[in-house]
Amino acid sequence: MRCSKCLPMNVKVLILLMFWPLAALAQGFAGLGSDAEGFAMPQPDPQFDFPVDHGPHPDYRIEWWYLTANMQAADGTPYGLQWTLFRSALAPGEVDGWASPQIWFAHAAVTTPDGHFATERFARGGLELAGVQADPFRAWIDEWVMEGPDLDTLKLSAQGPDFGYNMTMHADGPLVFQGQGGYSVKSADGQASYYYSQPFYRITGTLMLPTGSVQVTGNAWLDREWSSQPLSETQLGWDWFSLSFDSGDKLMGFQLRQRDGTLYNASTWIEADGGTTAYPDGAFTAEPIVRSAVAGREVPTTWRVQLPDRGVDAVVAAMNTNAWMPLTIPYWEGPVTITGSHSGVGYLEMTGYE
């Protein structure tokens, strides 16, 4: 296999032109709200089939394997880590070779209290340069890999121009199904995705940074999601929170911002033992209370998050306000701290901020 970062410049330009449809996703992944004709659509009451569903679903338009981690070094310094593999289809199905309609791209990042490092990779489907195998589990693009005998025990690696990491992860809790049994509604118009998570990883390993290698330990959260039209045409982007409280409980909450200024949101309360309660639109709220100048735009970096049914009234603040992902699809993604009614750490993703 050839490493895409080693390709000659003229080949890189050719590949970029082949992947140019991805540019349509640049503002808040807004392209995900366009026509899904010909693609399969999520339906209520899904019946998941594991381990098969840990693998790809090429008849759906968009899919991701999305891992974030909150970690600490021995001296208490906090760090954040991201590893994400995306699949985006130009047409349903898969064929071998350059005729494949499947495009794969990946993001990797490490956030420190005073730095943020991010990079990306691209590959065309059908060439074995990227993909996902369900059993034994293996997700890869070039030499970046997430793999293990199953989803409970994984090794993780990625490298960029100025950073890298090698990690191991072990799950000590069950899979969590978001929304109604894994059917996650994204708008009042009914757009939806299949969505489940593994939020109970213990993670340990080595970060390679410009200042040297750092041994870290912490917690990680993997999101699995696929759909063909997760956004409505009236939506601009989203704010997504994965919060791990010191009590062992967890909260996933997101809000989708409408063009008219209104919001659509949903959330899942996750007990320390893995039990879940799904909440409909309006139960969860996230209100920006501090905005920061980030990459030439104003981005909310401190939030008041509330879920009254669980007594949550917390302040969620960026560990590093400059956790901007300056990639082909730009967005904000970074670790956060939690104070107030609950304490802990988590991750925040924000898309669609111009």
Protein backbone atom coordinates (compact mmCIF):
# COMPACT_ATOMS: atom_id res chain seq x y z
CA MET A 1 0.00 0.00 0.00
CA ARG A 2 1.19 3.51 -0.73
CA CYS A 3 1.13 6.26 1.87
CA SER A 4 -0.85 9.23 0.54
CA LYS A 5 1.47 11.74 2.24
CA CYS A 6 4.34 10.36 0.12
CA LEU A 7 2.68 10.84 -3.28
CA PRO A 8 4.19 13.30 -5.80
CA MET A 9 2.56 16.71 -5.86
CA ASN A 10 0.90 16.24 -9.27
CA VAL A 11 -0.73 13.01 -8.03
CA LYS A 12 -1.91 14.79 -4.88
CA VAL A 13 -3.56 17.49 -7.01
CA LEU A 14 -5.30 14.83 -9.13
CA ILE A 15 -6.61 13.08 -6.02
CA LEU A 16 -7.79 16.38 -4.55
CA LEU A 17 -9.78 17.09 -7.71
CA MET A 18 -11.33 13.62 -7.53
CA PHE A 19 -12.40 14.31 -3.96
CA TRP A 20 -13.63 17.83 -4.70
CA PRO A 21 -17.29 17.00 -3.82
CA LEU A 22 -16.12 16.97 -0.19
CA ALA A 23 -15.76 20.74 -0.39
CA ALA A 24 -19.54 20.94 -0.42
CA LEU A 25 -19.47 19.75 3.18
CA ALA A 26 -17.18 22.51 4.39
CA GLN A 27 -19.68 24.65 6.29
CA GLY A 28 -21.21 22.57 9.02
CA PHE A 29 -21.22 19.45 6.84
CA ALA A 30 -24.15 21.24 5.15
CA GLY A 31 -23.85 18.98 2.11
CA LEU A 32 -25.25 16.17 4.25
CA GLY A 33 -28.63 17.83 3.95
CA SER A 34 -28.81 17.57 0.17
CA ASP A 35 -30.59 15.05 -2.03
CA ALA A 36 -30.31 11.45 -0.81
CA GLU A 37 -32.05 9.90 -3.83
CA GLY A 38 -30.92 6.34 -4.45
CA PHE A 39 -29.38 5.84 -1.03
CA ALA A 40 -30.82 3.71 1.75
CA MET A 41 -32.55 5.62 4.54
CA PRO A 42 -32.61 4.83 8.28
CA GLN A 43 -35.89 3.46 9.56
CA PRO A 44 -37.35 3.37 13.10
CA ASP A 45 -36.91 0.28 15.27
CA PRO A 46 -33.53 -0.78 13.90
CA GLN A 47 -32.34 -4.35 14.35
CA PHE A 48 -28.56 -4.18 14.67
CA ASP A 49 -26.41 -7.15 13.70
CA PHE A 50 -23.07 -7.28 15.51
CA PRO A 51 -20.26 -7.53 14.70
CA VAL A 52 -21.42 -6.91 11.10
CA ASP A 53 -22.72 -3.41 11.87
CA HIS A 54 -19.33 -2.34 13.23
CA GLY A 55 -18.30 -2.44 9.57
CA PRO A 56 -19.28 -0.16 6.63
CA HIS A 57 -22.73 0.37 5.10
CA PRO A 58 -21.97 1.47 1.52
CA ASP A 59 -25.63 1.87 0.55
CA TYR A 60 -25.84 4.86 2.94
CA ARG A 61 -24.36 8.21 1.99
CA ILE A 62 -22.26 9.09 5.05
CA GLU A 63 -20.75 7.13 7.92
CA TRP A 64 -18.15 7.56 10.63
CA TRP A 65 -16.09 5.86 13.32
CA TYR A 66 -15.45 8.74 15.70
CA LEU A 67 -13.19 8.43 18.72
CA THR A 68 -12.30 11.13 21.26
CA ALA A 69 -10.36 10.79 24.51
CA ASN A 70 -9.67 12.83 27.64
CA MET A 71 -6.31 11.93 29.17
CA GLN A 72 -3.73 13.03 31.73
CA ALA A 73 0.01 12.68 32.07
CA ALA A 74 1.61 11.59 35.34
CA ASP A 75 2.12 15.24 36.32
CA GLY A 76 -1.60 15.97 35.88
CA THR A 77 -1.33 17.82 32.55
CA PRO A 78 -4.55 17.24 30.55
CA TYR A 79 -4.60 16.17 26.91
CA GLY A 80 -7.25 15.47 24.30
CA LEU A 81 -7.12 13.06 21.37
CA GLN A 82 -9.26 12.54 18.26
CA TRP A 83 -9.24 9.77 15.64
CA THR A 84 -12.03 9.80 13.06
CA LEU A 85 -12.57 7.79 9.89
CA PHE A 86 -15.32 9.01 7.54
CA ARG A 87 -16.91 7.29 4.56
CA SER A 88 -18.79 9.47 2.04
CA ALA A 89 -20.47 7.95 -1.02
CA LEU A 90 -21.00 9.56 -4.41
CA ALA A 91 -23.41 6.72 -5.21
CA PRO A 92 -24.64 3.65 -3.33
CA GLY A 93 -22.67 0.40 -3.33
CA GLU A 94 -19.05 -0.58 -3.80
CA VAL A 95 -16.92 -1.85 -6.68
CA ASP A 96 -13.21 -2.55 -6.90
CA GLY A 97 -10.70 -0.08 -8.29
CA TRP A 98 -10.91 3.60 -9.18
CA ALA A 99 -14.56 3.23 -10.21
CA SER A 100 -15.51 2.93 -6.55
CA PRO A 101 -18.04 5.59 -5.49
CA GLN A 102 -16.80 5.44 -1.90
CA ILE A 103 -14.53 8.19 -0.58
CA TRP A 104 -12.69 7.75 2.70
CA PHE A 105 -11.13 10.54 4.72
CA ALA A 106 -9.79 10.74 8.25
CA HIS A 107 -8.94 13.33 10.87
CA ALA A 108 -6.48 13.00 13.73
CA ALA A 109 -5.73 15.57 16.42
CA VAL A 110 -4.09 16.09 19.79
CA THR A 111 -4.98 19.02 22.04
CA THR A 112 -2.75 20.27 24.86
CA PRO A 113 -3.40 23.19 27.23
CA ASP A 114 -1.42 25.49 24.91
CA GLY A 115 -1.41 23.73 21.55
CA HIS A 116 -3.60 21.96 19.01
CA PHE A 117 -2.26 19.63 16.31
CA ALA A 118 -4.45 18.30 13.50
CA THR A 119 -4.04 16.54 10.18
CA GLU A 120 -6.09 14.60 7.63
CA ARG A 121 -5.87 11.80 5.07
CA PHE A 122 -7.88 10.90 1.93
CA ALA A 123 -8.33 7.68 -0.02
CA ARG A 124 -10.61 6.31 -2.72
CA GLY A 125 -12.56 3.16 -1.96
CA GLY A 126 -11.92 -0.06 -3.87
CA LEU A 127 -8.12 0.24 -3.66
CA GLU A 128 -7.51 -1.20 -0.15
CA LEU A 129 -5.98 2.11 0.95
CA ALA A 130 -8.75 2.64 3.50
CA GLY A 131 -11.72 0.78 4.88
CA VAL A 132 -13.27 -1.07 7.78
CA GLN A 133 -13.40 -4.79 8.50
CA ALA A 134 -15.97 -5.89 11.07
CA ASP A 135 -14.56 -9.21 12.39
CA PRO A 136 -11.86 -9.05 13.59
CA PHE A 137 -12.30 -5.31 13.76
CA ARG A 138 -9.95 -3.15 11.71
CA ALA A 139 -10.45 0.45 10.53
CA TRP A 140 -7.62 2.04 8.59
CA ILE A 141 -6.45 4.67 6.16
CA ASP A 142 -2.83 4.42 5.03
CA GLU A 143 -0.89 3.54 8.20
CA TRP A 144 -3.46 4.99 10.60
CA VAL A 145 -5.20 2.07 12.29
CA MET A 146 -7.84 1.25 14.88
CA GLU A 147 -7.90 -2.51 15.31
CA GLY A 148 -8.44 -5.40 17.69
CA PRO A 149 -10.11 -8.78 18.04
CA ASP A 150 -13.40 -6.96 18.60
CA LEU A 151 -14.66 -3.50 19.52
CA ASP A 152 -13.93 -4.07 23.23
CA THR A 153 -10.14 -4.26 22.90
CA LEU A 154 -8.41 -1.96 20.43
CA LYS A 155 -5.08 -0.52 19.42
CA LEU A 156 -5.05 2.97 17.92
CA SER A 157 -2.41 4.88 16.00
CA ALA A 158 -2.02 7.95 13.80
CA GLN A 159 0.80 10.21 12.69
CA GLY A 160 0.96 13.78 11.45
CA PRO A 161 3.73 16.20 10.45
CA ASP A 162 4.34 17.28 14.05
CA PHE A 163 2.53 14.75 16.27
CA GLY A 164 1.41 11.17 16.60
CA TYR A 165 0.12 8.62 19.07
CA ASN A 166 0.02 4.92 19.85
CA MET A 167 -2.75 3.87 22.26
CA THR A 168 -4.52 0.82 23.62
CA MET A 169 -8.17 0.78 24.74
CA HIS A 170 -10.34 -1.59 26.76
CA ALA A 171 -14.11 -1.18 27.21
CA ASP A 172 -15.49 -1.80 30.71
CA GLY A 173 -19.15 -1.13 29.87
CA PRO A 174 -21.72 -2.02 27.19
CA LEU A 175 -22.58 -0.39 23.88
CA VAL A 176 -25.04 2.49 24.21
CA PHE A 177 -27.84 3.06 21.69
CA GLN A 178 -28.65 6.72 21.10
CA GLY A 179 -32.16 7.99 20.42
CA GLN A 180 -34.84 5.30 20.22
CA GLY A 181 -32.87 2.08 20.23
CA GLY A 182 -30.21 3.54 17.92
CA TYR A 183 -32.57 5.52 15.68
CA SER A 184 -31.50 9.14 16.25
CA VAL A 185 -33.81 11.85 14.90
CA LYS A 186 -32.03 15.02 13.77
CA SER A 187 -34.87 17.41 12.89
CA ALA A 188 -38.59 18.07 13.18
CA ASP A 189 -38.78 17.07 9.50
CA GLY A 190 -37.72 13.54 10.43
CA GLN A 191 -34.12 13.32 9.19
CA ALA A 192 -32.41 10.60 11.19
CA SER A 193 -29.36 8.38 11.53
CA TYR A 194 -28.42 5.05 13.05
CA TYR A 195 -26.28 5.94 16.06
CA TYR A 196 -24.65 3.94 18.83
CA SER A 197 -21.66 4.55 21.07
CA GLN A 198 -19.04 2.84 23.19
CA PRO A 199 -18.36 5.50 25.89
CA PHE A 200 -16.66 3.23 28.43
CA TYR A 201 -13.10 2.85 27.14
CA ARG A 202 -10.06 3.07 29.38
CA ILE A 203 -7.22 4.36 27.23
CA THR A 204 -3.46 4.37 27.78
CA GLY A 205 -0.45 5.00 25.59
CA THR A 206 2.04 7.49 24.21
CA LEU A 207 1.60 10.89 22.60
CA MET A 208 4.45 12.06 20.36
CA LEU A 209 4.63 15.86 20.42
CA PRO A 210 7.20 18.46 19.31
CA THR A 211 8.28 18.70 22.96
CA GLY A 212 8.79 14.95 23.27
CA SER A 213 6.87 11.80 24.13
CA VAL A 214 4.29 11.77 26.92
CA GLN A 215 2.73 8.75 28.63
CA VAL A 216 -1.00 9.29 29.23
CA THR A 217 -4.03 7.50 30.65
CA GLY A 218 -7.71 8.39 30.58
CA ASN A 219 -11.12 7.67 29.10
CA ALA A 220 -12.27 7.42 25.49
CA TRP A 221 -15.62 7.51 23.68
CA LEU A 222 -16.38 5.99 20.27
CA ASP A 223 -19.40 7.08 18.22
CA ARG A 224 -20.73 5.01 15.31
CA GLU A 225 -23.18 6.69 13.01
CA TRP A 226 -24.47 6.31 9.47
CA SER A 227 -27.20 7.92 7.42
CA SER A 228 -28.02 9.40 4.04
CA GLN A 229 -29.57 12.74 5.00
CA PRO A 230 -28.85 13.59 8.66
CA LEU A 231 -29.42 17.34 8.25
CA SER A 232 -32.44 19.29 7.10
CA GLU A 233 -31.94 21.98 4.46
CA THR A 234 -32.98 24.50 7.13
CA GLN A 235 -30.07 23.58 9.42
CA LEU A 236 -26.66 25.26 9.50
CA GLY A 237 -24.58 23.03 11.77
CA TRP A 238 -24.45 21.43 15.18
CA ASP A 239 -23.01 21.59 18.70
CA TRP A 240 -22.34 18.10 20.09
CA PHE A 241 -21.36 17.27 23.67
CA SER A 242 -20.04 13.98 25.09
CA LEU A 243 -19.73 14.49 28.85
CA SER A 244 -18.27 12.05 31.38
CA PHE A 245 -19.05 12.93 34.99
CA ASP A 246 -16.93 12.01 38.00
CA SER A 247 -19.92 10.01 39.29
CA GLY A 248 -19.48 7.57 36.40
CA ASP A 249 -22.65 8.76 34.64
CA LYS A 250 -22.43 10.24 31.16
CA LEU A 251 -24.43 12.57 28.94
CA MET A 252 -24.58 12.83 25.17
CA GLY A 253 -26.40 15.91 23.93
CA PHE A 254 -26.54 17.75 20.63
CA GLN A 255 -28.33 20.71 19.17
CA LEU A 256 -28.80 21.52 15.49
CA ARG A 257 -28.95 25.22 14.67
CA GLN A 258 -31.74 26.31 12.32
CA ARG A 259 -31.39 29.15 9.83
CA ASP A 260 -34.23 31.01 11.59
CA GLY A 261 -32.34 30.95 14.91
CA THR A 262 -34.30 28.12 16.51
CA LEU A 263 -32.75 24.87 17.71
CA TYR A 264 -33.48 21.15 17.51
CA ASN A 265 -31.89 19.00 20.18
CA ALA A 266 -31.78 15.51 21.63
CA SER A 267 -29.85 13.81 24.40
CA THR A 268 -29.15 10.51 26.14
CA TRP A 269 -28.45 10.05 29.85
CA ILE A 270 -26.07 7.11 30.35
CA GLU A 271 -25.89 5.46 33.77
CA ALA A 272 -22.53 4.30 35.12
CA ASP A 273 -23.71 0.70 34.53
CA GLY A 274 -24.72 1.42 30.92
CA GLY A 275 -28.46 1.93 31.37
CA THR A 276 -29.86 4.72 29.21
CA THR A 277 -32.70 7.23 29.06
CA ALA A 278 -33.32 9.06 25.78
CA TYR A 279 -34.71 12.60 25.88
CA PRO A 280 -36.66 14.34 23.10
CA ASP A 281 -36.29 17.82 21.66
CA GLY A 282 -36.41 20.49 24.38
CA ALA A 283 -35.26 18.45 27.39
CA PHE A 284 -31.56 19.32 26.90
CA THR A 285 -30.31 22.87 26.46
CA ALA A 286 -26.89 24.32 25.70
CA GLU A 287 -26.45 28.09 25.90
CA PRO A 288 -23.20 29.85 24.89
CA ILE A 289 -21.91 32.11 27.68
CA VAL A 290 -18.39 32.94 26.40
CA ARG A 291 -17.29 33.37 22.79
CA SER A 292 -13.68 33.41 21.66
CA ALA A 293 -11.89 34.64 18.56
CA VAL A 294 -10.79 31.43 16.84
CA ALA A 295 -9.35 31.20 13.32
CA GLY A 296 -10.85 34.54 12.32
CA ARG A 297 -14.35 33.86 13.63
CA GLU A 298 -16.30 34.00 16.88
CA VAL A 299 -16.85 30.54 18.35
CA PRO A 300 -18.64 29.64 21.61
CA THR A 301 -16.04 28.13 23.95
CA THR A 302 -17.91 28.13 27.27
CA TRP A 303 -21.46 26.82 27.59
CA ARG A 304 -24.18 26.41 30.18
CA VAL A 305 -25.55 22.89 29.72
CA GLN A 306 -28.79 21.82 31.39
CA LEU A 307 -30.78 18.62 31.64
CA PRO A 308 -33.29 19.42 34.43
CA ASP A 309 -34.66 15.89 34.66
CA ARG A 310 -31.22 14.75 35.89
CA GLY A 311 -30.37 17.88 37.86
CA VAL A 312 -27.69 18.92 35.38
CA ASP A 313 -26.85 22.63 35.38
CA ALA A 314 -23.18 22.72 34.47
CA VAL A 315 -20.59 24.97 32.86
CA VAL A 316 -18.73 23.28 30.02
CA ALA A 317 -15.51 25.10 29.09
CA ALA A 318 -12.88 24.44 26.43
CA MET A 319 -9.55 23.25 27.77
CA ASN A 320 -7.95 25.12 24.85
CA THR A 321 -10.15 27.62 23.02
CA ASN A 322 -7.99 27.34 19.86
CA ALA A 323 -8.91 23.71 19.10
CA TRP A 324 -9.83 24.57 15.52
CA MET A 325 -9.53 21.85 12.88
CA PRO A 326 -8.09 23.77 9.88
CA LEU A 327 -8.79 20.96 7.44
CA THR A 328 -10.67 20.51 4.15
CA ILE A 329 -13.82 20.39 6.27
CA PRO A 330 -13.08 22.99 9.01
CA TYR A 331 -14.72 22.82 12.44
CA TRP A 332 -13.99 23.12 16.17
CA GLU A 333 -13.27 19.97 18.18
CA GLY A 334 -11.61 19.74 21.57
CA PRO A 335 -11.63 18.56 25.17
CA VAL A 336 -13.73 20.36 27.78
CA THR A 337 -13.99 20.56 31.56
CA ILE A 338 -17.27 20.38 33.50
CA THR A 339 -18.09 22.31 36.68
CA GLY A 340 -21.28 23.26 38.52
CA SER A 341 -23.94 20.72 39.44
CA HIS A 342 -21.69 18.00 38.00
CA SER A 343 -17.93 17.78 37.48
CA GLY A 344 -15.89 15.89 34.96
CA VAL A 345 -14.44 16.09 31.47
CA GLY A 346 -15.68 15.59 27.94
CA TYR A 347 -15.49 16.60 24.31
CA LEU A 348 -17.23 19.27 22.26
CA GLU A 349 -17.65 19.45 18.48
CA MET A 350 -19.04 22.53 16.73
CA THR A 351 -19.69 22.84 13.01
CA GLY A 352 -21.04 25.53 10.73
CA TYR A 353 -19.40 28.59 12.34
CA GLU A 354 -18.31 30.95 9.56
